[in-house]
Amino acid sequence: MRLDAGAHARSGDRIAIAAYLGKSDRFDQAITEFAAAYADRNERDHQALVQSIADGKIAAVAGVWRPNAIPGCRLAPVPEDADQC
């Protein structure tokens, strides 16, 4: 996976960034490894959250996040009769 510095650079000089990264795939490999480790960490954190809820260590309210509310990333209102975990 080669990153296109011109497409991904939102600020700064895209030519300088591309020159800094060079032609090797070292940066691509580092980003790929970071992303995989970050995803693994998120999975472990989520599992710990779910277990803490199941163990009664923390309270959670079901239905706070509505997947259909993703456009614009807004949270949908929570109905007053929402199930509680």
Protein backbone atom coordinates (compact mmCIF):
# COMPACT_ATOMS: atom_id res chain seq x y z
CA MET A 1 0.00 0.00 0.00
CA ARG A 2 1.65 3.23 -1.13
CA LEU A 3 0.23 6.40 0.30
CA ASP A 4 -0.21 9.31 -2.03
CA ALA A 5 1.15 12.26 -0.06
CA GLY A 6 -0.61 14.68 -2.40
CA ALA A 7 -4.01 13.17 -1.65
CA HIS A 8 -3.47 12.84 2.09
CA ALA A 9 -1.69 16.07 2.90
CA ARG A 10 -4.28 18.64 3.92
CA SER A 11 -1.78 21.17 5.13
CA GLY A 12 1.86 21.77 4.45
CA ASP A 13 3.74 21.29 1.27
CA ARG A 14 2.70 18.02 -0.35
CA ILE A 15 5.87 17.87 -2.43
CA ALA A 16 8.03 18.30 0.67
CA ILE A 17 6.05 15.62 2.48
CA ALA A 18 6.42 13.21 -0.45
CA ALA A 19 10.15 13.95 -0.62
CA TYR A 20 10.48 13.39 3.13
CA LEU A 21 8.72 10.04 2.91
CA GLY A 22 10.84 8.97 -0.02
CA LYS A 23 10.24 5.98 -2.22
CA SER A 24 10.53 3.22 0.36
CA ASP A 25 7.52 1.63 1.99
CA ARG A 26 8.81 2.15 5.55
CA PHE A 27 6.17 4.76 6.35
CA ASP A 28 3.42 2.63 4.81
CA GLN A 29 4.53 -0.35 6.88
CA ALA A 30 4.69 1.73 10.07
CA ILE A 31 1.19 3.13 9.52
CA THR A 32 -0.14 -0.34 8.72
CA GLU A 33 1.38 -1.79 11.89
CA PHE A 34 0.08 1.12 13.96
CA ALA A 35 -3.43 0.74 12.53
CA ALA A 36 -3.50 -2.99 13.28
CA ALA A 37 -2.25 -2.46 16.84
CA TYR A 38 -4.77 0.36 17.35
CA ALA A 39 -7.63 -1.84 16.10
CA ASP A 40 -6.53 -4.66 18.42
CA ARG A 41 -6.42 -2.25 21.36
CA ASN A 42 -9.90 -0.93 20.55
CA GLU A 43 -11.21 -4.50 20.42
CA ARG A 44 -9.70 -5.29 23.84
CA ASP A 45 -11.05 -2.04 25.30
CA HIS A 46 -14.53 -2.81 23.97
CA GLN A 47 -14.42 -6.33 25.39
CA ALA A 48 -13.41 -4.90 28.77
CA LEU A 49 -16.28 -2.39 28.58
CA VAL A 50 -18.82 -5.08 27.76
CA GLN A 51 -17.50 -7.28 30.60
CA SER A 52 -17.63 -4.38 33.06
CA ILE A 53 -21.26 -3.76 32.11
CA ALA A 54 -22.07 -7.47 32.46
CA ASP A 55 -20.34 -7.57 35.87
CA GLY A 56 -22.33 -4.55 37.05
CA LYS A 57 -19.20 -2.44 37.54
CA ILE A 58 -20.58 0.32 35.34
CA ALA A 59 -24.08 1.22 34.21
CA ALA A 60 -25.04 1.59 30.58
CA VAL A 61 -28.21 2.62 28.78
CA ALA A 62 -29.15 0.68 25.68
CA GLY A 63 -30.18 2.60 22.59
CA VAL A 64 -28.20 5.79 23.12
CA TRP A 65 -26.39 5.45 19.81
CA ARG A 66 -28.53 4.88 16.76
CA PRO A 67 -26.65 3.55 13.70
CA ASN A 68 -29.17 5.32 11.46
CA ALA A 69 -28.00 8.62 12.94
CA ILE A 70 -24.53 8.29 11.42
CA PRO A 71 -25.01 10.93 8.68
CA GLY A 72 -23.55 13.97 10.36
CA CYS A 73 -22.53 11.78 13.34
CA ARG A 74 -25.37 12.99 15.53
CA LEU A 75 -26.77 11.04 18.43
CA ALA A 76 -30.44 10.23 18.22
CA PRO A 77 -32.62 11.18 21.17
CA VAL A 78 -32.97 8.48 23.82
CA PRO A 79 -36.57 7.48 24.50
CA GLU A 80 -37.57 7.72 28.15
CA ASP A 81 -38.49 4.03 28.18
CA ALA A 82 -35.07 2.90 26.86
CA ASP A 83 -33.88 -0.41 28.25
CA GLN A 84 -31.10 -0.16 30.81
CA CYS A 85 -28.27 -2.68 30.94
